[in-house]
């Protein structure tokens, strides 16, 4: 029996924008603008190992996109709306200088609001990029992102930070006050913790996104973030969703043995925090074989479709068509994945 394709008009919870580095630099504050006006702008905006060796042109020794294009891409699905995340900005967690990291986030957010999220039909939405070294600066930038018309904010999963640390409570409190969703997004960098030991990129890239997401999910769970901020909607992106029941089982076992001592803020097992109608969301991959079973376990209104377009490891529009045609997922579940969950997470419709 051939499955018929559902006609749900999708909302993409996680597309990407390719930064116009030359324009983004124009939004940078001094002295950082001076350091990054170089022929190798993309490399110096977000140095992947956390160091700006050249200080722009001062020590330079050698030779390194918009709403209309996204609207055209959405027609291939078709999709109704997209929420775009950065590309270079995914690696911002590796920037070691707190002042530069905050300046980079402010510049990116100003550029995104002014030059990308300007579709008159409001179909291309953005998320504000948050710094992770200065939690007070992050809280201030969250408020500014809301005023700029963003759909939410993003915290990079990768770097030396742990998002359950209580210093991030100021940011999460701001999110609660503004009813603003918070997405944690992995970078897939070979420099990410746990991936740096591999000799080939194929190995590092296979490990980096899930480990970055599991690491932050674990930190936030056991440090009580979801207990302290039950009204904040959190999403974990770029690692699929079929890891969730397995990982929750592991966390439940740890909680049973050591929770009273090591996770005293929790009022129940970790699995009790991931539920239908809850505030913890995940993106999925179209070809995850256990997707139907996972939806049965954790609910259909917390799992979202992500195109990952235009990145090399995404397959949009094929991924959207694959999900629409799957016969092991109910029509109600498809609506949840393709539209309902993202609309609820971002406060759309």
Protein backbone atom coordinates (compact mmCIF):
# COMPACT_ATOMS: atom_id res chain seq x y z
CA UNK A 1 0.00 0.00 0.00
CA UNK A 2 1.47 3.31 -1.07
CA UNK A 3 1.34 6.02 1.57
CA UNK A 4 -0.25 9.30 0.52
CA UNK A 5 1.62 12.48 1.25
CA UNK A 6 0.11 14.72 3.89
CA UNK A 7 -0.53 18.31 2.87
CA UNK A 8 0.66 19.91 6.09
CA UNK A 9 2.41 23.19 5.26
CA UNK A 10 5.63 22.92 7.20
CA UNK A 11 7.43 25.30 9.53
CA UNK A 12 11.17 24.75 9.45
CA UNK A 13 12.49 24.99 13.00
CA UNK A 14 16.13 25.10 11.97
CA UNK A 15 17.36 26.44 8.67
CA UNK A 16 20.55 28.44 8.29
CA UNK A 17 21.76 31.72 6.91
CA UNK A 18 25.15 32.16 5.31
CA UNK A 19 26.57 35.27 6.87
CA UNK A 20 27.72 38.14 4.71
CA UNK A 21 30.92 38.63 6.64
CA UNK A 22 31.85 41.94 5.03
CA UNK A 23 28.47 43.44 5.97
CA UNK A 24 28.47 41.88 9.41
CA UNK A 25 31.78 43.54 10.16
CA UNK A 26 30.13 46.92 9.54
CA UNK A 27 27.95 46.28 12.58
CA UNK A 28 30.94 45.48 14.78
CA UNK A 29 32.00 47.90 17.48
CA UNK A 30 35.54 49.20 17.71
CA UNK A 31 38.17 47.99 18.29
CA UNK A 32 36.84 44.69 16.98
CA UNK A 33 35.87 46.06 13.55
CA UNK A 34 39.46 47.12 12.95
CA UNK A 35 40.82 43.67 13.79
CA UNK A 36 38.43 41.90 11.39
CA UNK A 37 38.72 44.04 8.25
CA UNK A 38 40.84 41.60 6.32
CA UNK A 39 40.75 39.63 3.09
CA UNK A 40 40.12 36.55 5.28
CA UNK A 41 37.06 37.93 7.08
CA UNK A 42 35.17 34.65 7.46
CA UNK A 43 38.10 32.98 9.15
CA UNK A 44 38.82 35.84 11.52
CA UNK A 45 35.19 36.53 12.52
CA UNK A 46 34.94 33.15 14.23
CA UNK A 47 38.36 31.53 14.62
CA UNK A 48 37.55 27.87 15.03
CA UNK A 49 40.23 27.16 17.62
CA UNK A 50 39.33 30.17 19.74
CA UNK A 51 42.34 32.33 18.89
CA UNK A 52 42.63 35.28 16.54
CA UNK A 53 46.27 34.79 15.67
CA UNK A 54 46.54 37.65 13.20
CA UNK A 55 44.59 40.40 15.00
CA UNK A 56 43.12 41.08 11.59
CA UNK A 57 45.61 42.88 9.38
CA UNK A 58 47.88 43.88 12.24
CA UNK A 59 49.67 40.53 12.18
CA UNK A 60 48.37 39.23 8.86
CA UNK A 61 50.98 37.22 7.00
CA UNK A 62 49.23 35.89 3.94
CA UNK A 63 46.26 35.01 1.99
CA UNK A 64 40.51 33.43 3.43
CA UNK A 65 24.03 35.78 1.99
CA UNK A 66 18.91 36.95 2.35
CA UNK A 67 15.19 36.56 2.68
CA UNK A 68 14.49 36.39 -1.07
CA UNK A 69 16.68 33.32 -1.52
CA UNK A 70 15.07 31.62 1.47
CA UNK A 71 11.56 32.36 0.14
CA UNK A 72 12.59 30.72 -3.15
CA UNK A 73 13.96 27.71 -1.26
CA UNK A 74 10.75 27.33 0.75
CA UNK A 75 8.78 26.96 -2.47
CA UNK A 76 10.62 23.69 -3.13
CA UNK A 77 9.05 22.04 -0.07
CA UNK A 78 6.81 23.80 0.09
CA UNK A 79 7.19 25.33 3.53
CA UNK A 80 5.34 28.22 5.09
CA UNK A 81 8.03 29.64 7.34
CA UNK A 82 11.61 29.14 8.35
CA UNK A 83 13.54 30.12 11.44
CA UNK A 84 17.16 30.68 10.48
CA UNK A 85 20.21 30.01 12.60
CA UNK A 86 23.75 31.20 11.89
CA UNK A 87 26.48 29.32 10.06
CA UNK A 88 29.71 30.91 11.25
CA UNK A 89 27.93 31.79 14.47
CA UNK A 90 27.51 28.11 15.30
CA UNK A 91 31.17 28.17 16.25
CA UNK A 92 30.93 31.24 18.48
CA UNK A 93 31.28 29.12 21.60
CA UNK A 94 34.93 28.58 20.71
CA UNK A 95 35.72 32.30 20.89
CA UNK A 96 37.72 32.75 24.08
CA UNK A 97 37.67 36.56 24.42
CA UNK A 98 34.46 37.44 26.34
CA UNK A 99 34.35 41.02 25.07
CA UNK A 100 34.80 40.00 21.44
CA UNK A 101 32.28 37.16 21.76
CA UNK A 102 29.64 39.59 23.07
CA UNK A 103 30.46 42.13 20.35
CA UNK A 104 30.22 39.43 17.68
CA UNK A 105 26.78 38.36 18.92
CA UNK A 106 25.50 41.95 19.01
CA UNK A 107 26.78 42.58 15.48
CA UNK A 108 25.31 39.34 14.12
CA UNK A 109 21.92 40.06 15.68
CA UNK A 110 21.83 43.63 14.36
CA UNK A 111 22.82 42.46 10.86
CA UNK A 112 20.30 39.59 10.90
CA UNK A 113 17.41 41.82 11.95
CA UNK A 114 18.25 44.61 9.50
CA UNK A 115 19.35 42.68 6.41
CA UNK A 116 17.88 39.15 6.56
CA UNK A 117 14.67 39.11 8.58
CA UNK A 118 13.12 41.79 6.39
CA UNK A 119 10.69 39.65 4.37
CA UNK A 120 7.47 41.73 4.17
CA UNK A 121 5.38 38.55 4.59
CA UNK A 122 7.28 37.65 7.77
CA UNK A 123 8.15 34.17 6.48
CA UNK A 124 11.86 34.30 7.30
CA UNK A 125 12.45 34.59 11.03
CA UNK A 126 15.68 34.59 12.97
CA UNK A 127 17.09 33.70 16.36
CA UNK A 128 19.42 35.91 18.32
CA UNK A 129 22.92 34.57 18.93
CA UNK A 130 23.85 34.63 22.62
CA UNK A 131 27.32 34.97 24.17
CA UNK A 132 28.21 32.32 26.74
CA UNK A 133 31.12 33.85 28.65
CA UNK A 134 29.13 36.78 30.09
CA UNK A 135 25.68 35.69 31.29
CA UNK A 136 24.60 39.25 32.14
CA UNK A 137 25.51 40.35 28.62
CA UNK A 138 23.55 37.36 27.30
CA UNK A 139 20.46 38.37 29.32
CA UNK A 140 20.71 41.91 27.95
CA UNK A 141 21.11 40.58 24.41
CA UNK A 142 18.06 38.35 24.85
CA UNK A 143 15.98 41.41 25.71
CA UNK A 144 17.43 43.25 22.70
CA UNK A 145 16.75 40.24 20.42
CA UNK A 146 13.11 40.32 21.48
CA UNK A 147 12.95 44.03 20.63
CA UNK A 148 14.62 43.34 17.27
CA UNK A 149 11.74 40.98 16.39
CA UNK A 150 13.58 37.68 16.67
CA UNK A 151 11.67 34.40 17.13
CA UNK A 152 13.96 33.21 19.95
CA UNK A 153 17.59 32.90 20.91
CA UNK A 154 20.36 30.38 20.34
CA UNK A 155 23.09 29.15 22.65
CA UNK A 156 26.01 27.28 21.07
CA UNK A 157 26.37 23.74 22.41
CA UNK A 158 30.09 23.60 21.81
CA UNK A 159 32.85 25.24 23.76
CA UNK A 160 34.08 24.93 27.34
CA UNK A 161 30.81 26.14 28.93
CA UNK A 162 28.09 24.02 30.52
CA UNK A 163 24.61 25.50 30.14
CA UNK A 164 23.35 24.12 33.44
CA UNK A 165 25.75 26.37 35.33
CA UNK A 166 23.80 28.71 37.61
CA UNK A 167 25.45 31.74 36.00
CA UNK A 168 23.08 31.17 33.06
CA UNK A 169 20.08 31.59 35.34
CA UNK A 170 20.04 35.33 34.52
CA UNK A 171 19.56 34.46 30.84
CA UNK A 172 16.87 31.86 31.54
CA UNK A 173 15.08 34.26 33.88
CA UNK A 174 15.07 36.86 31.09
CA UNK A 175 13.64 34.21 28.73
CA UNK A 176 10.91 33.46 31.26
CA UNK A 177 10.08 37.15 31.65
CA UNK A 178 9.88 37.73 27.89
CA UNK A 179 8.24 34.35 27.04
CA UNK A 180 11.13 33.75 24.65
CA UNK A 181 12.28 30.28 23.50
CA UNK A 182 15.89 29.14 23.93
CA UNK A 183 17.50 26.78 21.40
CA UNK A 184 20.73 24.90 22.01
CA UNK A 185 22.44 24.16 18.68
CA UNK A 186 25.48 22.00 17.98
CA UNK A 187 28.23 23.08 15.61
CA UNK A 188 29.59 19.80 14.27
CA UNK A 189 33.12 21.09 14.61
CA UNK A 190 36.08 18.75 14.72
CA UNK A 191 37.31 20.95 17.58
CA UNK A 192 34.24 20.16 19.69
CA UNK A 193 34.89 18.37 22.99
CA UNK A 194 34.91 14.62 22.40
CA UNK A 195 35.51 14.99 18.65
CA UNK A 196 38.99 16.50 18.71
CA UNK A 197 40.66 13.07 19.05
CA UNK A 198 39.56 11.79 15.63
CA UNK A 199 41.91 11.84 12.61
CA UNK A 200 39.19 12.14 9.93
CA UNK A 201 36.39 14.71 9.69
CA UNK A 202 33.83 11.98 8.94
CA UNK A 203 34.54 10.51 12.38
CA UNK A 204 34.58 13.83 14.20
CA UNK A 205 31.38 15.07 12.52
CA UNK A 206 29.57 11.84 13.36
CA UNK A 207 30.35 12.35 17.06
CA UNK A 208 30.40 16.10 17.60
CA UNK A 209 26.71 17.15 17.26
CA UNK A 210 25.18 14.40 19.43
CA UNK A 211 27.85 14.69 22.08
CA UNK A 212 27.55 18.46 22.27
CA UNK A 213 23.77 18.20 22.68
CA UNK A 214 23.87 15.30 25.17
CA UNK A 215 26.48 17.14 27.23
CA UNK A 216 24.39 20.29 27.54
CA UNK A 217 21.11 18.38 28.04
CA UNK A 218 22.72 16.42 30.88
CA UNK A 219 24.16 19.54 32.49
CA UNK A 220 20.84 21.40 32.32
CA UNK A 221 18.87 18.40 33.56
CA UNK A 222 20.95 17.51 36.61
CA UNK A 223 21.65 21.14 37.56
CA UNK A 224 17.89 21.72 37.72
CA UNK A 225 17.46 24.17 34.83
CA UNK A 226 14.19 22.60 33.71
CA UNK A 227 12.91 22.54 37.29
CA UNK A 228 13.86 26.15 37.97
CA UNK A 229 12.45 27.48 34.67
CA UNK A 230 9.37 25.36 33.88
CA UNK A 231 7.81 28.01 31.63
CA UNK A 232 10.85 28.48 29.38
CA UNK A 233 10.70 26.50 26.14
CA UNK A 234 14.06 24.84 25.43
CA UNK A 235 15.02 23.04 22.18
CA UNK A 236 17.96 20.77 21.42
CA UNK A 237 18.88 20.87 17.75
CA UNK A 238 21.14 19.10 15.25
CA UNK A 239 21.33 15.65 16.89
CA UNK A 240 18.05 13.99 15.90
CA UNK A 241 15.60 12.68 18.50
CA UNK A 242 15.88 8.90 18.75
CA UNK A 243 18.64 9.28 21.35
CA UNK A 244 16.17 10.79 23.81
CA UNK A 245 14.53 7.67 25.35
CA UNK A 246 17.88 5.88 25.57
CA UNK A 247 19.57 8.81 27.23
CA UNK A 248 16.68 9.44 29.60
CA UNK A 249 16.90 5.80 30.72
CA UNK A 250 20.58 6.33 31.53
CA UNK A 251 19.88 9.57 33.38
CA UNK A 252 17.04 7.90 35.29
CA UNK A 253 19.41 5.22 36.54
CA UNK A 254 21.95 7.80 37.66
CA UNK A 255 19.19 9.78 39.38
CA UNK A 256 17.89 6.69 41.19
CA UNK A 257 21.32 5.99 42.63
CA UNK A 258 22.74 9.46 43.21
CA UNK A 259 19.99 12.02 42.60
CA UNK A 260 19.39 12.92 46.23
CA UNK A 261 23.03 13.91 46.59
CA UNK A 262 24.15 15.03 43.13
CA UNK A 263 20.90 16.43 41.66
CA UNK A 264 18.92 17.73 44.65
CA UNK A 265 16.95 20.30 42.63
CA UNK A 266 15.12 17.62 40.67
CA UNK A 267 11.64 16.67 41.90
CA UNK A 268 11.42 13.49 39.86
CA UNK A 269 13.34 11.32 37.40
CA UNK A 270 14.71 13.01 34.29
CA UNK A 271 12.18 11.24 32.07
CA UNK A 272 9.36 13.05 33.89
CA UNK A 273 10.55 16.37 32.41
CA UNK A 274 10.21 15.24 28.76
CA UNK A 275 6.53 14.83 28.02
CA UNK A 276 3.68 15.78 25.67
CA UNK A 277 2.80 19.43 26.10
CA UNK A 278 6.08 19.99 27.91
CA UNK A 279 8.70 22.69 27.54
CA UNK A 280 11.61 20.59 26.19
CA UNK A 281 11.69 20.21 22.41
CA UNK A 282 13.90 18.38 19.90
CA UNK A 283 14.51 18.41 16.16
CA UNK A 284 14.40 15.16 14.20
CA UNK A 285 15.96 13.62 11.13
CA UNK A 286 13.63 12.39 8.38
CA UNK A 287 15.19 8.92 8.16
CA UNK A 288 15.48 8.03 11.85
CA UNK A 289 14.14 4.47 11.81
CA UNK A 290 12.75 4.57 15.36
CA UNK A 291 11.07 7.95 14.97
CA UNK A 292 7.52 6.57 15.24
CA UNK A 293 8.32 4.68 18.42
CA UNK A 294 9.95 7.73 19.96
CA UNK A 295 6.92 9.89 19.15
CA UNK A 296 4.74 7.29 20.87
CA UNK A 297 6.95 7.55 23.95
CA UNK A 298 7.60 11.27 24.36
CA UNK A 299 4.80 12.95 22.38
CA UNK A 300 4.16 14.45 18.96
CA UNK A 301 4.09 18.12 19.96
CA UNK A 302 7.72 18.42 21.11
CA UNK A 303 9.50 17.05 18.00
CA UNK A 304 10.16 19.44 15.11
CA UNK A 305 11.20 19.25 11.45
CA UNK A 306 14.55 20.86 10.63
CA UNK A 307 15.75 21.29 7.06
CA UNK A 308 19.34 22.31 7.90
CA UNK A 309 19.34 23.99 4.47
CA UNK A 310 21.71 25.06 2.91
CA UNK A 311 24.31 23.06 4.83
CA UNK A 312 26.05 20.18 3.12
CA UNK A 313 24.74 17.51 5.49
CA UNK A 314 21.05 18.43 4.98
CA UNK A 315 18.90 16.95 2.20
CA UNK A 316 16.03 19.45 1.90
CA UNK A 317 13.58 19.25 0.15
CA UNK A 318 14.00 15.44 0.06
CA UNK A 319 13.98 15.26 3.86
CA UNK A 320 10.63 17.05 4.00
CA UNK A 321 9.13 14.79 1.34
CA UNK A 322 10.46 11.70 3.13
CA UNK A 323 8.72 12.69 6.36
CA UNK A 324 5.50 13.50 4.51
CA UNK A 325 5.48 10.06 2.86
CA UNK A 326 6.36 7.88 5.88
CA UNK A 327 3.71 5.22 6.53
CA UNK A 328 4.85 4.41 10.08
CA UNK A 329 3.91 7.85 11.40
CA UNK A 330 0.29 8.89 11.90
CA UNK A 331 -1.21 11.99 10.30
CA UNK A 332 -1.45 13.57 13.73
CA UNK A 333 2.23 12.89 14.37
CA UNK A 334 3.18 14.31 10.99
CA UNK A 335 1.27 17.50 11.77
CA UNK A 336 3.12 17.74 15.05
CA UNK A 337 6.53 17.30 13.46
CA UNK A 338 5.95 19.41 10.38
CA UNK A 339 4.09 22.29 11.98
CA UNK A 340 2.50 21.93 15.41
CA UNK A 341 5.60 21.57 17.56
CA UNK A 342 7.54 24.38 15.89
CA UNK A 343 4.51 26.68 16.06
CA UNK A 344 4.25 25.96 19.79
CA UNK A 345 7.98 26.32 20.44
CA UNK A 346 8.33 29.65 18.64
CA UNK A 347 4.90 30.97 19.64
CA UNK A 348 3.63 31.14 16.05
CA UNK A 349 0.02 30.84 14.75
